[in-house]
Amino acid sequence: MARLRPGVLGNAVDPGWVPTKMGGPNAPDDLELGHRTQEWLAAGDDPEALTTGGYWYHRERQEPHRAVHDEAFQDRLLRALAQETGTAL
């Protein structure tokens, strides 16, 4: 999304494996930390939070899988999602 909407800040957040109905009661990550990065990116004025195209885990920028940087893969994924949902970006 960051590539397609250059005027909009767009990031991905990994909340971790948190104890929810989906994660289960024995998930090791802190549920509280799971959403703090999202809040920080959405509402923060920290210069580090005012970046785009990042992949974040507990307020630390991580390097995602290398396929993430493959624009042809990105385009195929967006086409598949549009076909499945009936909503093109």
N, C-alpha and C. Protein backbone atom coordinates (compact mmCIF):
# COMPACT_ATOMS: atom_id res chain seq x y z
N MET A 1 0.82 -1.20 0.00
CA MET A 1 0.00 0.00 0.00
C MET A 1 0.86 1.25 0.00
N ALA A 2 1.97 1.21 0.71
CA ALA A 2 2.83 2.39 0.78
C ALA A 2 3.30 2.79 -0.62
N ARG A 3 3.56 1.83 -1.47
CA ARG A 3 4.01 2.12 -2.84
C ARG A 3 2.88 2.73 -3.66
N LEU A 4 1.66 2.29 -3.46
CA LEU A 4 0.53 2.76 -4.27
C LEU A 4 -0.06 4.08 -3.79
N ARG A 5 0.16 4.41 -2.54
CA ARG A 5 -0.39 5.65 -1.96
C ARG A 5 0.75 6.45 -1.32
N PRO A 6 1.60 7.07 -2.13
CA PRO A 6 2.79 7.74 -1.58
C PRO A 6 2.48 8.89 -0.63
N GLY A 7 1.32 9.48 -0.68
CA GLY A 7 0.98 10.57 0.22
C GLY A 7 0.40 10.12 1.55
N VAL A 8 0.27 8.82 1.73
CA VAL A 8 -0.34 8.26 2.94
C VAL A 8 0.68 7.36 3.63
N LEU A 9 0.83 7.52 4.94
CA LEU A 9 1.72 6.64 5.67
C LEU A 9 1.09 5.27 5.80
N GLY A 10 1.82 4.24 5.40
CA GLY A 10 1.31 2.88 5.47
C GLY A 10 2.36 1.94 6.00
N ASN A 11 2.04 1.21 7.04
CA ASN A 11 2.96 0.27 7.66
C ASN A 11 2.23 -1.02 8.01
N ALA A 12 2.99 -2.08 8.19
CA ALA A 12 2.45 -3.35 8.66
C ALA A 12 2.92 -3.56 10.09
N VAL A 13 2.04 -4.12 10.92
CA VAL A 13 2.37 -4.35 12.32
C VAL A 13 2.15 -5.82 12.66
N ASP A 14 3.16 -6.43 13.25
CA ASP A 14 3.04 -7.78 13.78
C ASP A 14 2.81 -7.64 15.28
N PRO A 15 1.60 -7.92 15.77
CA PRO A 15 1.34 -7.76 17.20
C PRO A 15 1.95 -8.86 18.05
N GLY A 16 2.48 -9.88 17.40
CA GLY A 16 3.03 -11.01 18.13
C GLY A 16 1.97 -12.08 18.34
N TRP A 17 2.39 -13.15 18.95
CA TRP A 17 1.48 -14.25 19.26
C TRP A 17 0.92 -13.95 20.64
N VAL A 18 -0.28 -13.40 20.64
CA VAL A 18 -0.87 -12.89 21.88
C VAL A 18 -2.03 -13.76 22.35
N PRO A 19 -2.29 -13.77 23.65
CA PRO A 19 -3.35 -14.60 24.21
C PRO A 19 -4.74 -14.04 23.93
N THR A 20 -5.29 -14.44 22.80
CA THR A 20 -6.66 -14.09 22.42
C THR A 20 -7.38 -15.40 22.10
N LYS A 21 -8.62 -15.31 21.67
CA LYS A 21 -9.32 -16.53 21.26
C LYS A 21 -8.57 -17.23 20.13
N MET A 22 -8.03 -16.44 19.21
CA MET A 22 -7.30 -17.03 18.09
C MET A 22 -5.92 -17.51 18.53
N GLY A 23 -5.22 -16.74 19.35
CA GLY A 23 -3.87 -17.09 19.77
C GLY A 23 -3.80 -18.14 20.85
N GLY A 24 -4.88 -18.27 21.61
CA GLY A 24 -4.91 -19.25 22.68
C GLY A 24 -4.37 -18.69 23.99
N PRO A 25 -4.72 -19.31 25.09
CA PRO A 25 -4.33 -18.78 26.41
C PRO A 25 -2.84 -18.90 26.72
N ASN A 26 -2.12 -19.75 26.00
CA ASN A 26 -0.70 -19.95 26.29
C ASN A 26 0.23 -19.18 25.37
N ALA A 27 -0.33 -18.26 24.57
CA ALA A 27 0.51 -17.46 23.68
C ALA A 27 1.50 -16.65 24.53
N PRO A 28 2.77 -16.59 24.10
CA PRO A 28 3.81 -16.00 24.95
C PRO A 28 3.93 -14.47 24.92
N ASP A 29 3.36 -13.81 23.91
CA ASP A 29 3.53 -12.36 23.84
C ASP A 29 2.54 -11.64 24.74
N ASP A 30 2.83 -10.39 25.01
CA ASP A 30 2.03 -9.54 25.88
C ASP A 30 0.91 -8.89 25.07
N LEU A 31 -0.33 -9.15 25.45
CA LEU A 31 -1.47 -8.59 24.73
C LEU A 31 -1.42 -7.07 24.71
N GLU A 32 -0.97 -6.47 25.79
CA GLU A 32 -0.87 -5.01 25.88
C GLU A 32 0.11 -4.47 24.84
N LEU A 33 1.25 -5.12 24.67
CA LEU A 33 2.24 -4.66 23.69
C LEU A 33 1.76 -4.85 22.25
N GLY A 34 0.84 -5.78 22.06
CA GLY A 34 0.34 -6.07 20.72
C GLY A 34 -0.28 -4.87 20.03
N HIS A 35 -0.96 -4.03 20.75
CA HIS A 35 -1.64 -2.89 20.12
C HIS A 35 -0.88 -1.57 20.29
N ARG A 36 0.07 -1.52 21.15
CA ARG A 36 0.78 -0.25 21.39
C ARG A 36 1.51 0.27 20.16
N THR A 37 2.09 -0.62 19.37
CA THR A 37 2.78 -0.18 18.14
C THR A 37 1.78 0.44 17.17
N GLN A 38 0.61 -0.16 17.05
CA GLN A 38 -0.42 0.38 16.16
C GLN A 38 -0.82 1.78 16.62
N GLU A 39 -1.02 1.96 17.90
CA GLU A 39 -1.39 3.28 18.43
C GLU A 39 -0.27 4.30 18.18
N TRP A 40 0.96 3.89 18.44
CA TRP A 40 2.12 4.76 18.26
C TRP A 40 2.24 5.22 16.81
N LEU A 41 2.06 4.30 15.87
CA LEU A 41 2.15 4.67 14.46
C LEU A 41 0.98 5.56 14.02
N ALA A 42 -0.20 5.27 14.53
CA ALA A 42 -1.39 6.00 14.10
C ALA A 42 -1.49 7.39 14.70
N ALA A 43 -1.06 7.55 15.94
CA ALA A 43 -1.30 8.81 16.62
C ALA A 43 -0.04 9.52 17.10
N GLY A 44 1.10 8.89 16.93
CA GLY A 44 2.32 9.46 17.46
C GLY A 44 2.89 10.57 16.61
N ASP A 45 3.68 11.42 17.25
CA ASP A 45 4.38 12.46 16.50
C ASP A 45 5.88 12.23 16.56
N ASP A 46 6.28 11.06 17.05
CA ASP A 46 7.68 10.65 17.05
C ASP A 46 8.14 10.56 15.59
N PRO A 47 9.24 11.19 15.23
CA PRO A 47 9.72 11.14 13.83
C PRO A 47 9.86 9.71 13.31
N GLU A 48 10.24 8.78 14.18
CA GLU A 48 10.37 7.40 13.74
C GLU A 48 9.02 6.80 13.36
N ALA A 49 7.95 7.25 14.01
CA ALA A 49 6.61 6.75 13.71
C ALA A 49 6.04 7.39 12.46
N LEU A 50 6.60 8.48 12.02
CA LEU A 50 6.09 9.18 10.84
C LEU A 50 6.79 8.71 9.58
N THR A 51 7.02 7.40 9.48
CA THR A 51 7.64 6.79 8.32
C THR A 51 6.61 5.93 7.62
N THR A 52 6.95 5.43 6.46
CA THR A 52 6.02 4.61 5.70
C THR A 52 6.74 3.40 5.13
N GLY A 53 5.96 2.36 4.84
CA GLY A 53 6.52 1.15 4.23
C GLY A 53 7.26 0.25 5.19
N GLY A 54 7.02 0.42 6.48
CA GLY A 54 7.74 -0.38 7.46
C GLY A 54 6.98 -1.61 7.92
N TYR A 55 7.72 -2.52 8.50
CA TYR A 55 7.16 -3.71 9.13
C TYR A 55 7.61 -3.66 10.59
N TRP A 56 6.67 -3.56 11.50
CA TRP A 56 6.96 -3.26 12.90
C TRP A 56 6.54 -4.38 13.84
N TYR A 57 7.35 -4.59 14.87
CA TYR A 57 7.05 -5.52 15.95
C TYR A 57 7.49 -4.86 17.25
N HIS A 58 6.54 -4.59 18.12
CA HIS A 58 6.81 -3.97 19.42
C HIS A 58 7.67 -2.71 19.28
N ARG A 59 7.22 -1.81 18.40
CA ARG A 59 7.84 -0.50 18.15
C ARG A 59 9.27 -0.59 17.62
N GLU A 60 9.63 -1.73 17.08
CA GLU A 60 10.93 -1.88 16.44
C GLU A 60 10.73 -2.29 15.00
N ARG A 61 11.36 -1.55 14.10
CA ARG A 61 11.23 -1.87 12.68
C ARG A 61 12.01 -3.15 12.40
N GLN A 62 11.36 -4.06 11.70
CA GLN A 62 11.93 -5.36 11.37
C GLN A 62 12.11 -5.47 9.86
N GLU A 63 12.94 -6.39 9.45
CA GLU A 63 13.09 -6.67 8.02
C GLU A 63 12.12 -7.80 7.68
N PRO A 64 11.16 -7.53 6.79
CA PRO A 64 10.20 -8.57 6.43
C PRO A 64 10.82 -9.58 5.46
N HIS A 65 10.06 -10.59 5.14
CA HIS A 65 10.49 -11.58 4.15
C HIS A 65 10.82 -10.85 2.85
N ARG A 66 11.83 -11.34 2.15
CA ARG A 66 12.30 -10.63 0.94
C ARG A 66 11.23 -10.53 -0.15
N ALA A 67 10.26 -11.43 -0.16
CA ALA A 67 9.20 -11.38 -1.17
C ALA A 67 8.37 -10.11 -1.06
N VAL A 68 8.38 -9.51 0.12
CA VAL A 68 7.61 -8.28 0.34
C VAL A 68 8.07 -7.16 -0.59
N HIS A 69 9.34 -7.18 -0.95
CA HIS A 69 9.90 -6.12 -1.80
C HIS A 69 9.73 -6.40 -3.29
N ASP A 70 9.16 -7.52 -3.65
CA ASP A 70 8.95 -7.92 -5.05
C ASP A 70 7.65 -7.29 -5.56
N GLU A 71 7.79 -6.26 -6.39
CA GLU A 71 6.59 -5.53 -6.85
C GLU A 71 5.66 -6.39 -7.68
N ALA A 72 6.19 -7.34 -8.44
CA ALA A 72 5.33 -8.23 -9.21
C ALA A 72 4.49 -9.09 -8.26
N PHE A 73 5.10 -9.55 -7.17
CA PHE A 73 4.36 -10.31 -6.16
C PHE A 73 3.29 -9.44 -5.52
N GLN A 74 3.65 -8.21 -5.19
CA GLN A 74 2.68 -7.28 -4.60
C GLN A 74 1.47 -7.12 -5.51
N ASP A 75 1.74 -6.91 -6.80
CA ASP A 75 0.65 -6.70 -7.75
C ASP A 75 -0.23 -7.95 -7.89
N ARG A 76 0.39 -9.13 -7.92
CA ARG A 76 -0.40 -10.38 -7.99
C ARG A 76 -1.28 -10.54 -6.74
N LEU A 77 -0.71 -10.23 -5.59
CA LEU A 77 -1.47 -10.33 -4.34
C LEU A 77 -2.65 -9.37 -4.35
N LEU A 78 -2.42 -8.14 -4.76
CA LEU A 78 -3.51 -7.16 -4.78
C LEU A 78 -4.60 -7.55 -5.78
N ARG A 79 -4.20 -8.12 -6.93
CA ARG A 79 -5.20 -8.58 -7.90
C ARG A 79 -6.02 -9.73 -7.32
N ALA A 80 -5.36 -10.66 -6.63
CA ALA A 80 -6.08 -11.80 -6.03
C ALA A 80 -7.03 -11.32 -4.95
N LEU A 81 -6.59 -10.37 -4.12
CA LEU A 81 -7.46 -9.84 -3.07
C LEU A 81 -8.65 -9.10 -3.67
N ALA A 82 -8.41 -8.34 -4.73
CA ALA A 82 -9.51 -7.63 -5.39
C ALA A 82 -10.52 -8.60 -5.97
N GLN A 83 -10.01 -9.69 -6.55
CA GLN A 83 -10.91 -10.69 -7.13
C GLN A 83 -11.74 -11.36 -6.04
N GLU A 84 -11.11 -11.69 -4.93
CA GLU A 84 -11.82 -12.37 -3.84
C GLU A 84 -12.84 -11.47 -3.14
N THR A 85 -12.51 -10.19 -3.00
CA THR A 85 -13.38 -9.28 -2.24
C THR A 85 -14.30 -8.44 -3.12
N GLY A 86 -13.96 -8.35 -4.40
CA GLY A 86 -14.73 -7.48 -5.28
C GLY A 86 -14.39 -6.01 -5.07
N THR A 87 -13.27 -5.74 -4.42
CA THR A 87 -12.86 -4.37 -4.13
C THR A 87 -11.43 -4.14 -4.60
N ALA A 88 -11.28 -3.32 -5.60
CA ALA A 88 -9.94 -2.99 -6.09
C ALA A 88 -9.43 -1.76 -5.35
N LEU A 89 -8.14 -1.69 -5.16
CA LEU A 89 -7.55 -0.54 -4.48
C LEU A 89 -7.18 0.53 -5.48
